[in-house]
């Protein structure tokens, strides 16, 4: 039986993290008169980490964490027009033209002819829905799921809803923490496609990977070949 294949969206099917990185660099420039870049950046990461359980993932939570960091770093002295600039940085991310990863569309079109495909992504609902619509890829999936967190519990629930046993499921994504490790823990399989930028909250240690049988792809165009390997 052919496996059901799940795909992550951001930085797996289209570019995303570089937009956040650019906004973050602009934010650091705003804070440069108050705090060295490395210290301000570390404080932003800590604020994001603390706020993740309240705001979840996505642009809106990122903007709120930047504003909170700016107020803390400047002891409340940041001007209103700078706060407005931070809001504009978030709006710029939302307004970015969607750029598909090279090879994403033909790979999905090929696999959709012989496999059930699921799109499983996390983040702000409106933002993710808009990106999926702009991508033109939605029609290639038999199911699209936008969740607040991608952990073992979420995957277990989604697979049950779609009638997919974990051992017949393969997840493809750029994040080991969100896309691969939870699925492996359920008995499924994973194909990791590293992206050039990894958000701090998505990083894992080498110890987390010890003894795990996962496949790595240099490019999304390697995925059909790796699926055939798994089927063999």
N, C-alpha and C. Protein backbone atom coordinates (compact mmCIF):
# COMPACT_ATOMS: atom_id res chain seq x y z
N UNK A 1 0.84 -1.20 0.00
CA UNK A 1 0.00 0.00 0.00
C UNK A 1 0.88 1.25 0.00
N UNK A 2 0.56 2.21 -0.87
CA UNK A 2 1.34 3.43 -0.94
C UNK A 2 1.14 4.26 0.31
N UNK A 3 2.21 4.87 0.83
CA UNK A 3 2.05 5.70 2.03
C UNK A 3 1.30 6.98 1.72
N UNK A 4 0.65 7.50 2.73
CA UNK A 4 0.10 8.85 2.66
C UNK A 4 1.23 9.81 3.01
N UNK A 5 1.36 10.88 2.23
CA UNK A 5 2.51 11.78 2.39
C UNK A 5 2.01 13.14 2.90
N UNK A 6 2.60 13.59 3.99
CA UNK A 6 2.30 14.91 4.53
C UNK A 6 3.39 15.89 4.16
N UNK A 7 3.01 17.11 3.87
CA UNK A 7 3.98 18.16 3.55
C UNK A 7 3.78 19.34 4.49
N UNK A 8 4.90 19.85 5.00
CA UNK A 8 4.90 21.14 5.65
C UNK A 8 4.77 22.21 4.57
N UNK A 9 4.49 23.45 4.95
CA UNK A 9 4.31 24.52 3.97
C UNK A 9 5.47 25.51 3.99
N UNK A 10 5.59 26.29 5.09
CA UNK A 10 6.61 27.34 5.16
C UNK A 10 8.02 26.74 5.10
N UNK A 11 8.80 27.22 4.14
CA UNK A 11 10.20 26.81 3.94
C UNK A 11 10.33 25.36 3.50
N UNK A 12 9.22 24.73 3.15
CA UNK A 12 9.24 23.42 2.51
C UNK A 12 8.65 23.52 1.11
N UNK A 13 7.51 24.21 0.99
CA UNK A 13 6.89 24.44 -0.31
C UNK A 13 7.09 25.87 -0.80
N UNK A 14 7.22 26.80 0.13
CA UNK A 14 7.50 28.19 -0.26
C UNK A 14 8.40 28.83 0.79
N UNK A 15 9.09 29.90 0.36
CA UNK A 15 10.04 30.59 1.24
C UNK A 15 9.27 31.42 2.28
N UNK A 16 9.79 31.41 3.51
CA UNK A 16 9.12 32.14 4.58
C UNK A 16 10.12 32.74 5.57
N UNK A 17 11.01 31.90 6.11
CA UNK A 17 11.86 32.33 7.22
C UNK A 17 12.77 33.50 6.85
N UNK A 18 13.17 33.60 5.57
CA UNK A 18 14.01 34.73 5.18
C UNK A 18 13.27 36.06 5.30
N UNK A 19 11.94 36.03 5.17
CA UNK A 19 11.15 37.26 5.36
C UNK A 19 11.20 37.70 6.82
N UNK A 20 11.10 36.72 7.73
CA UNK A 20 11.21 37.02 9.16
C UNK A 20 12.63 37.53 9.48
N UNK A 21 13.63 36.90 8.88
CA UNK A 21 15.01 37.29 9.14
C UNK A 21 15.27 38.73 8.71
N UNK A 22 14.70 39.12 7.57
CA UNK A 22 14.87 40.50 7.10
C UNK A 22 14.20 41.49 8.06
N UNK A 23 12.99 41.17 8.49
CA UNK A 23 12.29 42.04 9.45
C UNK A 23 13.06 42.12 10.76
N UNK A 24 13.61 41.01 11.17
CA UNK A 24 14.39 40.98 12.41
C UNK A 24 15.63 41.86 12.31
N UNK A 25 16.27 41.86 11.16
CA UNK A 25 17.44 42.71 10.96
C UNK A 25 17.06 44.19 11.03
N UNK A 26 15.93 44.55 10.44
CA UNK A 26 15.45 45.93 10.51
C UNK A 26 15.11 46.31 11.95
N UNK A 27 14.56 45.37 12.69
CA UNK A 27 14.23 45.60 14.10
C UNK A 27 15.49 45.85 14.92
N UNK A 28 16.55 45.09 14.65
CA UNK A 28 17.80 45.27 15.37
C UNK A 28 18.39 46.66 15.11
N UNK A 29 18.20 47.16 13.90
CA UNK A 29 18.68 48.50 13.59
C UNK A 29 17.93 49.56 14.39
N UNK A 30 16.63 49.33 14.60
CA UNK A 30 15.85 50.26 15.42
C UNK A 30 16.37 50.30 16.87
N UNK A 31 16.83 49.15 17.35
CA UNK A 31 17.28 49.06 18.74
C UNK A 31 18.76 49.38 18.92
N UNK A 32 19.47 49.57 17.81
CA UNK A 32 20.92 49.79 17.87
C UNK A 32 21.33 50.93 18.80
N UNK A 33 20.59 52.05 18.88
CA UNK A 33 20.99 53.13 19.80
C UNK A 33 20.86 52.76 21.27
N UNK A 34 20.14 51.67 21.57
CA UNK A 34 19.87 51.33 22.96
C UNK A 34 20.64 50.11 23.46
N UNK A 35 20.90 49.14 22.58
CA UNK A 35 21.48 47.88 23.04
C UNK A 35 22.27 47.23 21.90
N UNK A 36 23.44 46.61 22.19
CA UNK A 36 24.18 45.89 21.14
C UNK A 36 23.31 44.84 20.48
N UNK A 37 23.57 44.61 19.20
CA UNK A 37 22.71 43.74 18.40
C UNK A 37 22.56 42.36 19.00
N UNK A 38 23.66 41.73 19.43
CA UNK A 38 23.58 40.36 19.91
C UNK A 38 22.74 40.25 21.18
N UNK A 39 22.82 41.27 22.04
CA UNK A 39 22.05 41.25 23.29
C UNK A 39 20.57 41.47 22.99
N UNK A 40 20.28 42.42 22.11
CA UNK A 40 18.88 42.70 21.75
C UNK A 40 18.26 41.48 21.06
N UNK A 41 19.04 40.82 20.22
CA UNK A 41 18.55 39.65 19.51
C UNK A 41 18.24 38.51 20.48
N UNK A 42 19.12 38.31 21.43
CA UNK A 42 18.90 37.28 22.43
C UNK A 42 17.64 37.57 23.25
N UNK A 43 17.43 38.85 23.57
CA UNK A 43 16.24 39.22 24.34
C UNK A 43 14.97 38.98 23.52
N UNK A 44 15.03 39.25 22.22
CA UNK A 44 13.88 38.99 21.36
C UNK A 44 13.55 37.50 21.34
N UNK A 45 14.58 36.66 21.22
CA UNK A 45 14.36 35.21 21.21
C UNK A 45 13.70 34.75 22.51
N UNK A 46 14.18 35.30 23.63
CA UNK A 46 13.61 34.90 24.92
C UNK A 46 12.16 35.36 25.04
N UNK A 47 11.87 36.55 24.54
CA UNK A 47 10.50 37.05 24.58
C UNK A 47 9.58 36.20 23.71
N UNK A 48 10.05 35.85 22.52
CA UNK A 48 9.26 34.99 21.64
C UNK A 48 8.99 33.64 22.29
N UNK A 49 10.02 33.08 22.89
CA UNK A 49 9.87 31.77 23.54
C UNK A 49 8.84 31.83 24.66
N UNK A 50 8.91 32.90 25.45
CA UNK A 50 7.97 33.07 26.56
C UNK A 50 6.54 33.26 26.06
N UNK A 51 6.39 33.97 24.93
CA UNK A 51 5.06 34.30 24.43
C UNK A 51 4.45 33.23 23.54
N UNK A 52 5.24 32.21 23.17
CA UNK A 52 4.76 31.23 22.21
C UNK A 52 3.48 30.55 22.66
N UNK A 53 3.37 30.26 23.95
CA UNK A 53 2.18 29.55 24.44
C UNK A 53 0.94 30.44 24.39
N UNK A 54 1.13 31.77 24.37
CA UNK A 54 0.01 32.70 24.31
C UNK A 54 -0.34 33.10 22.88
N UNK A 55 0.67 33.41 22.09
CA UNK A 55 0.45 33.93 20.75
C UNK A 55 0.56 32.88 19.66
N UNK A 56 1.20 31.75 19.97
CA UNK A 56 1.43 30.75 18.95
C UNK A 56 2.49 31.22 17.95
N UNK A 57 2.44 30.64 16.76
CA UNK A 57 3.42 30.94 15.72
C UNK A 57 2.78 31.86 14.67
N UNK A 58 3.59 32.68 14.06
CA UNK A 58 3.08 33.52 12.99
C UNK A 58 3.49 34.97 13.13
N UNK A 59 3.07 35.76 12.17
CA UNK A 59 3.52 37.15 12.06
C UNK A 59 2.99 37.99 13.23
N UNK A 60 1.74 37.81 13.61
CA UNK A 60 1.16 38.66 14.64
C UNK A 60 1.86 38.47 15.98
N UNK A 61 2.13 37.22 16.34
CA UNK A 61 2.86 36.96 17.57
C UNK A 61 4.27 37.51 17.51
N UNK A 62 4.90 37.42 16.34
CA UNK A 62 6.25 37.95 16.14
C UNK A 62 6.26 39.46 16.36
N UNK A 63 5.27 40.16 15.81
CA UNK A 63 5.19 41.61 15.96
C UNK A 63 4.98 41.99 17.42
N UNK A 64 4.09 41.31 18.10
CA UNK A 64 3.84 41.60 19.52
C UNK A 64 5.10 41.37 20.35
N UNK A 65 5.85 40.34 20.04
CA UNK A 65 7.09 40.07 20.77
C UNK A 65 8.15 41.13 20.47
N UNK A 66 8.19 41.63 19.24
CA UNK A 66 9.12 42.71 18.92
C UNK A 66 8.77 43.98 19.70
N UNK A 67 7.47 44.30 19.75
CA UNK A 67 7.05 45.49 20.49
C UNK A 67 7.40 45.36 21.96
N UNK A 68 7.11 44.21 22.55
CA UNK A 68 7.43 44.00 23.97
C UNK A 68 8.93 44.11 24.22
N UNK A 69 9.72 43.51 23.33
CA UNK A 69 11.18 43.58 23.47
C UNK A 69 11.66 45.02 23.37
N UNK A 70 11.10 45.77 22.42
CA UNK A 70 11.50 47.17 22.23
C UNK A 70 11.22 47.99 23.48
N UNK A 71 10.06 47.78 24.08
CA UNK A 71 9.70 48.52 25.30
C UNK A 71 10.65 48.16 26.44
N UNK A 72 10.96 46.87 26.57
CA UNK A 72 11.86 46.43 27.64
C UNK A 72 13.28 46.95 27.44
N UNK A 73 13.78 46.83 26.21
CA UNK A 73 15.16 47.22 25.92
C UNK A 73 15.37 48.72 26.13
N UNK A 74 14.35 49.51 25.79
CA UNK A 74 14.49 50.97 25.87
C UNK A 74 13.94 51.53 27.18
N UNK A 75 13.55 50.65 28.10
CA UNK A 75 12.94 51.08 29.37
C UNK A 75 11.75 52.00 29.13
N UNK A 76 10.99 51.68 28.09
CA UNK A 76 9.79 52.44 27.78
C UNK A 76 10.03 53.73 27.03
N UNK A 77 11.25 53.95 26.58
CA UNK A 77 11.58 55.23 25.92
C UNK A 77 11.44 55.19 24.41
N UNK A 78 11.05 54.05 23.84
CA UNK A 78 10.92 53.97 22.39
C UNK A 78 9.76 54.85 21.93
N UNK A 79 10.00 55.62 20.87
CA UNK A 79 9.00 56.57 20.36
C UNK A 79 7.86 55.85 19.66
N UNK A 80 6.73 56.52 19.61
CA UNK A 80 5.55 55.96 18.97
C UNK A 80 5.78 55.65 17.50
N UNK A 81 6.56 56.50 16.81
CA UNK A 81 6.78 56.25 15.39
C UNK A 81 7.65 55.01 15.18
N UNK A 82 8.48 54.65 16.18
CA UNK A 82 9.25 53.41 16.08
C UNK A 82 8.35 52.20 16.29
N UNK A 83 7.39 52.31 17.19
CA UNK A 83 6.42 51.23 17.37
C UNK A 83 5.63 51.03 16.08
N UNK A 84 5.26 52.13 15.45
CA UNK A 84 4.55 52.04 14.18
C UNK A 84 5.42 51.34 13.14
N UNK A 85 6.72 51.63 13.14
CA UNK A 85 7.63 50.99 12.19
C UNK A 85 7.67 49.47 12.42
N UNK A 86 7.63 49.04 13.68
CA UNK A 86 7.63 47.60 13.97
C UNK A 86 6.36 46.96 13.41
N UNK A 87 5.24 47.64 13.56
CA UNK A 87 3.99 47.12 13.00
C UNK A 87 4.09 47.02 11.48
N UNK A 88 4.73 48.01 10.87
CA UNK A 88 4.92 47.99 9.42
C UNK A 88 5.81 46.83 8.99
N UNK A 89 6.80 46.47 9.83
CA UNK A 89 7.65 45.32 9.51
C UNK A 89 6.81 44.04 9.41
N UNK A 90 5.86 43.91 10.34
CA UNK A 90 4.97 42.76 10.28
C UNK A 90 4.07 42.79 9.05
N UNK A 91 3.57 43.96 8.73
CA UNK A 91 2.72 44.09 7.55
C UNK A 91 3.51 43.77 6.28
N UNK A 92 4.78 44.16 6.26
CA UNK A 92 5.63 43.86 5.11
C UNK A 92 5.76 42.35 4.90
N UNK A 93 5.88 41.60 6.01
CA UNK A 93 5.96 40.15 5.88
C UNK A 93 4.69 39.60 5.27
N UNK A 94 3.54 40.07 5.74
CA UNK A 94 2.26 39.59 5.24
C UNK A 94 2.04 39.95 3.78
N UNK A 95 2.64 41.07 3.36
CA UNK A 95 2.45 41.55 1.98
C UNK A 95 3.47 40.98 1.01
N UNK A 96 4.43 40.20 1.51
CA UNK A 96 5.48 39.67 0.64
C UNK A 96 4.88 38.79 -0.45
N UNK A 97 5.42 38.91 -1.64
CA UNK A 97 5.01 38.02 -2.73
C UNK A 97 5.41 36.60 -2.39
N UNK A 98 4.49 35.67 -2.59
CA UNK A 98 4.76 34.27 -2.28
C UNK A 98 5.69 33.68 -3.34
N UNK A 99 6.80 33.09 -2.89
CA UNK A 99 7.77 32.51 -3.80
C UNK A 99 7.89 31.01 -3.50
N UNK A 100 7.45 30.20 -4.44
CA UNK A 100 7.51 28.76 -4.26
C UNK A 100 8.96 28.26 -4.27
N UNK A 101 9.21 27.23 -3.50
CA UNK A 101 10.51 26.55 -3.55
C UNK A 101 10.65 25.92 -4.93
N UNK A 102 11.83 26.04 -5.53
CA UNK A 102 12.07 25.45 -6.84
C UNK A 102 11.75 23.95 -6.82
N UNK A 103 10.93 23.53 -7.73
CA UNK A 103 10.59 22.12 -7.85
C UNK A 103 9.37 21.70 -7.06
N UNK A 104 8.84 22.57 -6.20
CA UNK A 104 7.73 22.17 -5.33
C UNK A 104 6.50 21.74 -6.13
N UNK A 105 6.09 22.56 -7.07
CA UNK A 105 4.87 22.24 -7.82
C UNK A 105 5.00 20.93 -8.61
N UNK A 106 6.03 20.74 -9.43
CA UNK A 106 6.10 19.47 -10.18
C UNK A 106 6.21 18.24 -9.29
N UNK A 107 6.88 18.37 -8.15
CA UNK A 107 6.97 17.22 -7.22
C UNK A 107 5.58 16.87 -6.70
N UNK A 108 4.82 17.87 -6.27
CA UNK A 108 3.48 17.62 -5.76
C UNK A 108 2.58 17.06 -6.85
N UNK A 109 2.67 17.60 -8.05
CA UNK A 109 1.84 17.11 -9.15
C UNK A 109 2.15 15.66 -9.46
N UNK A 110 3.43 15.30 -9.41
CA UNK A 110 3.83 13.91 -9.67
C UNK A 110 3.30 12.97 -8.59
N UNK A 111 3.52 13.35 -7.34
CA UNK A 111 3.11 12.48 -6.23
C UNK A 111 1.59 12.39 -6.11
N UNK A 112 0.89 13.47 -6.44
CA UNK A 112 -0.57 13.48 -6.31
C UNK A 112 -1.23 12.48 -7.26
N UNK A 113 -0.54 12.06 -8.30
CA UNK A 113 -1.09 11.09 -9.24
C UNK A 113 -1.14 9.68 -8.66
N UNK A 114 -0.35 9.44 -7.60
CA UNK A 114 -0.25 8.07 -7.09
C UNK A 114 -0.39 7.97 -5.57
N UNK A 115 -0.46 9.11 -4.87
CA UNK A 115 -0.50 9.09 -3.42
C UNK A 115 -1.51 10.11 -2.90
N UNK A 116 -2.01 9.85 -1.71
CA UNK A 116 -2.77 10.86 -0.99
C UNK A 116 -1.79 11.83 -0.35
N UNK A 117 -2.04 13.12 -0.55
CA UNK A 117 -1.17 14.15 0.02
C UNK A 117 -1.95 14.97 1.04
N UNK A 118 -1.30 15.23 2.17
CA UNK A 118 -1.87 16.10 3.19
C UNK A 118 -0.95 17.29 3.39
N UNK A 119 -1.50 18.47 3.51
CA UNK A 119 -0.74 19.67 3.87
C UNK A 119 -0.98 19.94 5.35
N UNK A 120 0.09 19.91 6.13
CA UNK A 120 -0.02 20.12 7.58
C UNK A 120 0.93 21.24 7.97
N UNK A 121 0.36 22.36 8.36
CA UNK A 121 1.18 23.52 8.69
C UNK A 121 0.67 24.17 9.97
N UNK A 122 1.50 25.01 10.56
CA UNK A 122 1.09 25.72 11.77
C UNK A 122 1.31 27.21 11.58
N UNK A 123 0.65 27.99 12.41
CA UNK A 123 0.81 29.44 12.32
C UNK A 123 -0.53 30.14 12.39
N UNK A 124 -0.51 31.42 12.08
CA UNK A 124 -1.73 32.23 12.09
C UNK A 124 -2.69 31.74 11.01
N UNK A 125 -3.94 31.50 11.39
CA UNK A 125 -4.91 30.91 10.47
C UNK A 125 -5.10 31.73 9.20
N UNK A 126 -5.37 33.03 9.35
CA UNK A 126 -5.63 33.88 8.19
C UNK A 126 -4.40 33.96 7.28
N UNK A 127 -3.24 34.10 7.88
CA UNK A 127 -2.01 34.19 7.09
C UNK A 127 -1.77 32.90 6.31
N UNK A 128 -1.91 31.76 6.97
CA UNK A 128 -1.66 30.49 6.30
C UNK A 128 -2.70 30.22 5.22
N UNK A 129 -3.96 30.54 5.49
CA UNK A 129 -4.99 30.34 4.47
C UNK A 129 -4.70 31.20 3.24
N UNK A 130 -4.25 32.43 3.47
CA UNK A 130 -3.95 33.32 2.35
C UNK A 130 -2.78 32.80 1.53
N UNK A 131 -1.75 32.29 2.21
CA UNK A 131 -0.59 31.77 1.48
C UNK A 131 -0.94 30.52 0.68
N UNK A 132 -1.75 29.66 1.26
CA UNK A 132 -2.17 28.46 0.54
C UNK A 132 -2.96 28.85 -0.71
N UNK A 133 -3.84 29.82 -0.58
CA UNK A 133 -4.63 30.27 -1.73
C UNK A 133 -3.73 30.87 -2.81
N UNK A 134 -2.76 31.71 -2.39
CA UNK A 134 -1.88 32.35 -3.37
C UNK A 134 -0.95 31.34 -4.03
N UNK A 135 -0.63 30.26 -3.34
CA UNK A 135 0.31 29.28 -3.89
C UNK A 135 -0.27 28.53 -5.07
N UNK A 136 -1.59 28.37 -5.11
CA UNK A 136 -2.21 27.59 -6.16
C UNK A 136 -1.99 26.09 -6.02
N UNK A 137 -1.51 25.66 -4.86
CA UNK A 137 -1.19 24.24 -4.65
C UNK A 137 -2.29 23.49 -3.90
N UNK A 138 -3.26 24.22 -3.36
CA UNK A 138 -4.25 23.59 -2.49
C UNK A 138 -4.99 22.43 -3.11
N UNK A 139 -5.27 22.51 -4.41
CA UNK A 139 -6.03 21.46 -5.08
C UNK A 139 -5.30 20.14 -5.21
N UNK A 140 -4.00 20.12 -4.92
CA UNK A 140 -3.21 18.89 -5.03
C UNK A 140 -3.29 18.04 -3.76
N UNK A 141 -3.90 18.59 -2.71
CA UNK A 141 -3.95 17.88 -1.43
C UNK A 141 -5.36 17.35 -1.17
N UNK A 142 -5.43 16.15 -0.59
CA UNK A 142 -6.72 15.59 -0.20
C UNK A 142 -7.17 16.14 1.15
N UNK A 143 -6.27 16.76 1.88
CA UNK A 143 -6.61 17.37 3.15
C UNK A 143 -5.63 18.48 3.49
N UNK A 144 -6.13 19.58 4.06
CA UNK A 144 -5.29 20.71 4.48
C UNK A 144 -5.60 20.99 5.94
N UNK A 145 -4.56 20.98 6.76
CA UNK A 145 -4.72 21.18 8.20
C UNK A 145 -3.81 22.31 8.67
N UNK A 146 -4.39 23.30 9.35
CA UNK A 146 -3.63 24.39 9.97
C UNK A 146 -3.80 24.27 11.47
N UNK A 147 -2.71 24.02 12.17
CA UNK A 147 -2.78 23.74 13.60
C UNK A 147 -1.96 24.77 14.37
N UNK A 148 -2.22 24.86 15.67
CA UNK A 148 -1.48 25.81 16.50
C UNK A 148 -0.12 25.25 16.90
N UNK A 149 0.00 23.92 16.95
CA UNK A 149 1.26 23.28 17.32
C UNK A 149 1.35 21.95 16.59
N UNK A 150 2.56 21.60 16.17
CA UNK A 150 2.77 20.33 15.49
C UNK A 150 3.59 19.43 16.41
N UNK A 151 2.88 18.73 17.29
CA UNK A 151 3.52 17.79 18.19
C UNK A 151 2.88 16.42 17.99
N UNK A 152 3.32 15.44 18.77
CA UNK A 152 2.84 14.08 18.57
C UNK A 152 1.33 14.00 18.75
N UNK A 153 0.80 14.74 19.71
CA UNK A 153 -0.64 14.72 19.93
C UNK A 153 -1.42 15.25 18.74
N UNK A 154 -0.93 16.32 18.15
CA UNK A 154 -1.61 16.91 16.99
C UNK A 154 -1.57 15.95 15.81
N UNK A 155 -0.40 15.35 15.55
CA UNK A 155 -0.29 14.41 14.43
C UNK A 155 -1.18 13.19 14.66
N UNK A 156 -1.19 12.68 15.89
CA UNK A 156 -2.01 11.51 16.19
C UNK A 156 -3.48 11.80 15.92
N UNK A 157 -3.93 12.98 16.32
CA UNK A 157 -5.33 13.36 16.10
C UNK A 157 -5.63 13.50 14.61
N UNK A 158 -4.73 14.17 13.87
CA UNK A 158 -4.97 14.39 12.45
C UNK A 158 -4.96 13.09 11.66
N UNK A 159 -4.03 12.21 11.98
CA UNK A 159 -3.96 10.94 11.26
C UNK A 159 -5.21 10.10 11.53
N UNK A 160 -5.69 10.14 12.77
CA UNK A 160 -6.91 9.40 13.09
C UNK A 160 -8.09 9.97 12.31
N UNK A 161 -8.18 11.29 12.21
CA UNK A 161 -9.29 11.92 11.50
C UNK A 161 -9.27 11.57 10.02
N UNK A 162 -8.06 11.39 9.46
CA UNK A 162 -7.95 11.07 8.04
C UNK A 162 -7.86 9.56 7.80
N UNK A 163 -7.96 8.77 8.85
CA UNK A 163 -7.93 7.33 8.71
C UNK A 163 -6.60 6.79 8.23
N UNK A 164 -5.52 7.38 8.70
CA UNK A 164 -4.18 6.98 8.27
C UNK A 164 -3.41 6.37 9.43
N UNK A 165 -3.07 5.08 9.38
CA UNK A 165 -2.23 4.50 10.43
C UNK A 165 -0.85 5.18 10.39
N UNK A 166 -0.26 5.47 11.54
CA UNK A 166 1.05 6.16 11.56
C UNK A 166 2.11 5.46 10.72
N UNK A 167 2.10 4.12 10.71
CA UNK A 167 3.14 3.40 9.97
C UNK A 167 2.98 3.54 8.46
N UNK A 168 1.86 4.07 8.01
CA UNK A 168 1.64 4.31 6.58
C UNK A 168 1.77 5.78 6.22
N UNK A 169 2.36 6.56 7.13
CA UNK A 169 2.45 8.01 6.93
C UNK A 169 3.91 8.44 6.83
N UNK A 170 4.18 9.33 5.89
CA UNK A 170 5.50 9.93 5.71
C UNK A 170 5.34 11.44 5.75
N UNK A 171 6.08 12.11 6.62
CA UNK A 171 6.01 13.57 6.71
C UNK A 171 7.26 14.18 6.10
N UNK A 172 7.06 15.18 5.26
CA UNK A 172 8.15 15.88 4.58
C UNK A 172 8.19 17.32 5.09
N UNK A 173 9.34 17.76 5.58
CA UNK A 173 9.41 19.13 6.07
C UNK A 173 10.81 19.58 6.39
N UNK A 174 10.94 20.87 6.68
CA UNK A 174 12.25 21.46 6.95
C UNK A 174 12.60 21.48 8.43
N UNK A 175 11.61 21.28 9.29
CA UNK A 175 11.86 21.37 10.73
C UNK A 175 11.90 19.99 11.36
N UNK A 176 13.04 19.65 11.94
CA UNK A 176 13.14 18.38 12.64
C UNK A 176 12.20 18.36 13.84
N UNK A 177 12.12 19.46 14.56
CA UNK A 177 11.31 19.50 15.78
C UNK A 177 9.81 19.39 15.48
N UNK A 178 9.34 20.07 14.45
CA UNK A 178 7.90 20.12 14.20
C UNK A 178 7.41 19.12 13.16
N UNK A 179 8.26 18.80 12.18
CA UNK A 179 7.81 17.97 11.07
C UNK A 179 8.23 16.51 11.19
N UNK A 180 9.38 16.25 11.79
CA UNK A 180 9.95 14.91 11.72
C UNK A 180 9.88 14.15 13.04
N UNK A 181 10.42 14.71 14.11
CA UNK A 181 10.50 13.98 15.38
C UNK A 181 9.14 13.52 15.91
N UNK A 182 8.10 14.38 15.89
CA UNK A 182 6.80 13.90 16.41
C UNK A 182 6.25 12.72 15.61
N UNK A 183 6.45 12.74 14.30
CA UNK A 183 5.93 11.66 13.45
C UNK A 183 6.71 10.36 13.71
N UNK A 184 8.03 10.47 13.84
CA UNK A 184 8.83 9.29 14.14
C UNK A 184 8.42 8.68 15.48
N UNK A 185 8.09 9.53 16.44
CA UNK A 185 7.70 9.02 17.76
C UNK A 185 6.41 8.22 17.72
N UNK A 186 5.59 8.44 16.69
CA UNK A 186 4.33 7.71 16.53
C UNK A 186 4.49 6.44 15.71
N UNK A 187 5.69 6.24 15.15
CA UNK A 187 5.91 5.07 14.31
C UNK A 187 5.84 5.38 12.83
N UNK A 188 5.68 6.65 12.47
CA UNK A 188 5.68 7.05 11.08
C UNK A 188 7.10 7.28 10.59
N UNK A 189 7.21 7.82 9.39
CA UNK A 189 8.52 8.07 8.80
C UNK A 189 8.62 9.54 8.38
N UNK A 190 9.85 10.01 8.22
CA UNK A 190 10.04 11.41 7.90
C UNK A 190 11.14 11.64 6.89
N UNK A 191 10.94 12.66 6.07
CA UNK A 191 11.98 13.10 5.13
C UNK A 191 12.28 14.56 5.45
N UNK A 192 13.51 14.80 5.87
CA UNK A 192 13.92 16.14 6.28
C UNK A 192 14.61 16.86 5.13
N UNK A 193 14.12 18.06 4.82
CA UNK A 193 14.76 18.91 3.81
C UNK A 193 15.23 20.17 4.51
N UNK A 194 16.50 20.24 4.90
CA UNK A 194 16.98 21.41 5.64
C UNK A 194 16.81 22.69 4.83
N UNK A 195 16.41 23.76 5.52
CA UNK A 195 16.33 25.09 4.91
C UNK A 195 17.54 25.88 5.38
N UNK A 196 17.90 26.92 4.63
CA UNK A 196 19.13 27.65 4.94
C UNK A 196 19.04 28.44 6.25
N UNK A 197 17.82 28.70 6.72
CA UNK A 197 17.62 29.39 7.99
C UNK A 197 16.71 28.53 8.86
N UNK A 198 17.10 28.35 10.12
CA UNK A 198 16.26 27.62 11.06
C UNK A 198 15.96 28.51 12.25
N UNK A 199 14.69 28.73 12.51
CA UNK A 199 14.29 29.56 13.65
C UNK A 199 14.78 28.92 14.95
N UNK A 200 15.18 29.74 15.92
CA UNK A 200 15.72 29.19 17.18
C UNK A 200 14.79 28.19 17.85
N UNK A 201 13.47 28.46 17.83
CA UNK A 201 12.54 27.55 18.50
C UNK A 201 12.33 26.24 17.76
N UNK A 202 12.92 26.11 16.55
CA UNK A 202 12.80 24.87 15.79
C UNK A 202 14.08 24.03 15.84
N UNK A 203 15.10 24.53 16.48
CA UNK A 203 16.38 23.82 16.51
C UNK A 203 16.35 22.67 17.51
N UNK A 204 17.08 21.61 17.18
CA UNK A 204 17.18 20.44 18.07
C UNK A 204 18.65 20.11 18.25
N UNK A 205 18.95 19.38 19.31
CA UNK A 205 20.33 18.98 19.58
C UNK A 205 20.65 17.66 18.89
N UNK A 206 21.93 17.36 18.76
CA UNK A 206 22.35 16.10 18.16
C UNK A 206 21.83 14.91 18.96
N UNK A 207 21.73 15.09 20.28
CA UNK A 207 21.25 14.00 21.13
C UNK A 207 19.80 13.63 20.79
N UNK A 208 19.02 14.62 20.35
CA UNK A 208 17.62 14.35 20.00
C UNK A 208 17.51 13.43 18.79
N UNK A 209 18.58 13.36 18.00
CA UNK A 209 18.54 12.59 16.75
C UNK A 209 19.21 11.24 16.87
N UNK A 210 19.84 10.96 18.00
CA UNK A 210 20.56 9.70 18.18
C UNK A 210 19.64 8.50 17.97
N UNK A 211 20.08 7.61 17.08
CA UNK A 211 19.36 6.37 16.87
C UNK A 211 18.10 6.47 16.04
N UNK A 212 17.79 7.64 15.51
CA UNK A 212 16.56 7.81 14.74
C UNK A 212 16.83 7.54 13.25
N UNK A 213 15.94 6.80 12.66
CA UNK A 213 16.06 6.48 11.24
C UNK A 213 15.23 7.47 10.43
N UNK A 214 15.87 8.51 9.98
CA UNK A 214 15.17 9.49 9.15
C UNK A 214 15.94 9.69 7.86
N UNK A 215 15.21 10.08 6.84
CA UNK A 215 15.83 10.34 5.55
C UNK A 215 16.03 11.83 5.36
N UNK A 216 17.12 12.18 4.69
CA UNK A 216 17.41 13.59 4.41
C UNK A 216 17.44 13.81 2.91
N UNK A 217 16.89 14.92 2.49
CA UNK A 217 16.91 15.31 1.08
C UNK A 217 17.61 16.65 0.96
N UNK A 218 18.44 16.79 -0.06
CA UNK A 218 19.07 18.08 -0.31
C UNK A 218 18.12 19.05 -0.97
N UNK A 219 17.09 18.51 -1.59
CA UNK A 219 16.18 19.32 -2.41
C UNK A 219 14.83 18.62 -2.45
N UNK A 220 13.76 19.38 -2.56
CA UNK A 220 12.44 18.77 -2.61
C UNK A 220 12.29 17.85 -3.81
N UNK A 221 13.09 18.07 -4.85
CA UNK A 221 13.01 17.22 -6.03
C UNK A 221 13.54 15.82 -5.77
N UNK A 222 14.20 15.61 -4.61
CA UNK A 222 14.66 14.27 -4.23
C UNK A 222 13.55 13.44 -3.59
N UNK A 223 12.43 14.08 -3.21
CA UNK A 223 11.40 13.39 -2.43
C UNK A 223 10.78 12.20 -3.16
N UNK A 224 10.39 12.30 -4.44
CA UNK A 224 9.80 11.12 -5.10
C UNK A 224 10.73 9.91 -5.08
N UNK A 225 12.01 10.12 -5.28
CA UNK A 225 12.97 9.01 -5.22
C UNK A 225 13.01 8.40 -3.83
N UNK A 226 13.01 9.24 -2.80
CA UNK A 226 13.06 8.73 -1.43
C UNK A 226 11.76 8.00 -1.07
N UNK A 227 10.64 8.46 -1.58
CA UNK A 227 9.39 7.74 -1.36
C UNK A 227 9.45 6.36 -1.98
N UNK A 228 10.01 6.26 -3.18
CA UNK A 228 10.15 4.94 -3.83
C UNK A 228 11.05 4.03 -3.01
N UNK A 229 12.09 4.62 -2.39
CA UNK A 229 12.96 3.82 -1.53
C UNK A 229 12.20 3.27 -0.34
N UNK A 230 11.37 4.10 0.25
CA UNK A 230 10.58 3.66 1.41
C UNK A 230 9.59 2.57 1.00
N UNK A 231 9.01 2.71 -0.15
CA UNK A 231 8.04 1.72 -0.62
C UNK A 231 8.70 0.39 -0.94
N UNK A 232 9.96 0.47 -1.37
CA UNK A 232 10.69 -0.77 -1.69
C UNK A 232 11.07 -1.53 -0.45
